[in-house]
């Protein structure tokens, strides 16, 4: 599995868009900030063709401590979800 770091993403965006690395980093930081703020406010973020970021609820559930085998309760929480758009799915599949 190959991971792309934020620095590598910034470098690729700067190269493709003809921006300085500083401008590309500000753009990436702004994107992350806008998506985060929108999700915190309960709004979905949809980029047509790319996908949709949303927040879902995870119910409280029972789990097991792997070290002791003890049953524990895992609290309910919110989880960020991403559903890829049709164009992204098709591009990755080709």
Protein backbone atom coordinates (compact mmCIF):
# COMPACT_ATOMS: atom_id res chain seq x y z
CA UNK A 1 0.00 0.00 0.00
CA UNK A 2 1.33 3.41 -0.95
CA UNK A 3 0.42 6.48 1.08
CA UNK A 4 0.69 10.08 -0.03
CA UNK A 5 1.74 12.57 2.61
CA UNK A 6 0.30 16.07 2.82
CA UNK A 7 3.64 17.47 1.62
CA UNK A 8 3.55 15.20 -1.45
CA UNK A 9 -0.05 16.24 -2.16
CA UNK A 10 0.89 19.92 -1.90
CA UNK A 11 3.85 19.37 -4.24
CA UNK A 12 1.67 17.63 -6.86
CA UNK A 13 -1.03 20.31 -6.68
CA UNK A 14 1.58 23.06 -7.00
CA UNK A 15 3.08 21.35 -10.03
CA UNK A 16 -0.22 20.63 -11.82
CA UNK A 17 -1.84 24.00 -11.09
CA UNK A 18 1.27 26.11 -11.66
CA UNK A 19 1.22 27.41 -8.09
CA UNK A 20 3.97 27.96 -5.58
CA UNK A 21 4.19 25.32 -2.87
CA UNK A 22 3.13 27.95 -0.33
CA UNK A 23 -0.01 28.81 -2.33
CA UNK A 24 -0.82 25.12 -2.85
CA UNK A 25 -0.40 24.44 0.88
CA UNK A 26 -2.75 27.33 1.74
CA UNK A 27 -5.30 25.90 -0.72
CA UNK A 28 -5.06 22.39 0.78
CA UNK A 29 -5.31 23.77 4.33
CA UNK A 30 -8.34 25.86 3.34
CA UNK A 31 -10.05 22.86 1.74
CA UNK A 32 -9.52 20.73 4.84
CA UNK A 33 -10.73 23.56 7.08
CA UNK A 34 -13.91 24.18 5.05
CA UNK A 35 -14.78 20.47 4.92
CA UNK A 36 -14.11 20.06 8.66
CA UNK A 37 -16.18 23.11 9.62
CA UNK A 38 -19.07 22.01 7.38
CA UNK A 39 -19.11 18.49 8.83
CA UNK A 40 -19.00 19.87 12.38
CA UNK A 41 -22.03 22.03 11.50
CA UNK A 42 -23.90 18.93 10.32
CA UNK A 43 -23.63 19.73 6.60
CA UNK A 44 -22.59 17.27 3.91
CA UNK A 45 -19.92 18.36 1.43
CA UNK A 46 -20.52 17.16 -2.14
CA UNK A 47 -17.99 17.56 -4.92
CA UNK A 48 -19.90 16.47 -8.02
CA UNK A 49 -18.07 13.65 -9.76
CA UNK A 50 -15.61 13.21 -6.88
CA UNK A 51 -17.73 12.26 -3.88
CA UNK A 52 -19.57 13.25 -0.73
CA UNK A 53 -18.22 13.73 2.78
CA UNK A 54 -20.82 13.25 5.54
CA UNK A 55 -21.14 12.45 9.23
CA UNK A 56 -22.92 9.33 10.46
CA UNK A 57 -23.83 8.08 13.90
CA UNK A 58 -22.29 4.92 15.31
CA UNK A 59 -24.43 3.22 17.94
CA UNK A 60 -23.09 2.10 21.31
CA UNK A 61 -21.88 -1.49 21.09
CA UNK A 62 -20.20 -4.25 23.03
CA UNK A 63 -16.55 -5.04 22.42
CA UNK A 64 -13.83 -7.09 23.99
CA UNK A 65 -10.52 -6.02 25.50
CA UNK A 66 -8.02 -8.12 23.52
CA UNK A 67 -5.53 -8.31 26.41
CA UNK A 68 -7.93 -9.41 29.16
CA UNK A 69 -10.90 -10.76 27.22
CA UNK A 70 -13.14 -8.53 29.35
CA UNK A 71 -16.37 -7.31 27.73
CA UNK A 72 -16.46 -3.52 27.42
CA UNK A 73 -18.98 -1.00 26.19
CA UNK A 74 -17.83 1.12 23.27
CA UNK A 75 -19.59 4.49 23.41
CA UNK A 76 -21.73 5.88 20.60
CA UNK A 77 -19.93 8.41 18.44
CA UNK A 78 -19.98 10.31 15.19
CA UNK A 79 -17.94 9.02 12.25
CA UNK A 80 -16.89 10.75 9.04
CA UNK A 81 -17.96 8.94 5.88
CA UNK A 82 -16.89 9.37 2.27
CA UNK A 83 -18.95 8.07 -0.63
CA UNK A 84 -17.09 8.25 -3.94
CA UNK A 85 -18.89 9.77 -6.91
CA UNK A 86 -19.62 7.97 -10.15
CA UNK A 87 -16.84 9.68 -12.13
CA UNK A 88 -14.22 8.85 -9.47
CA UNK A 89 -15.35 5.21 -9.32
CA UNK A 90 -15.20 4.90 -13.10
CA UNK A 91 -11.78 6.55 -13.33
CA UNK A 92 -10.29 4.29 -10.63
CA UNK A 93 -11.89 1.18 -12.17
CA UNK A 94 -10.54 1.83 -15.68
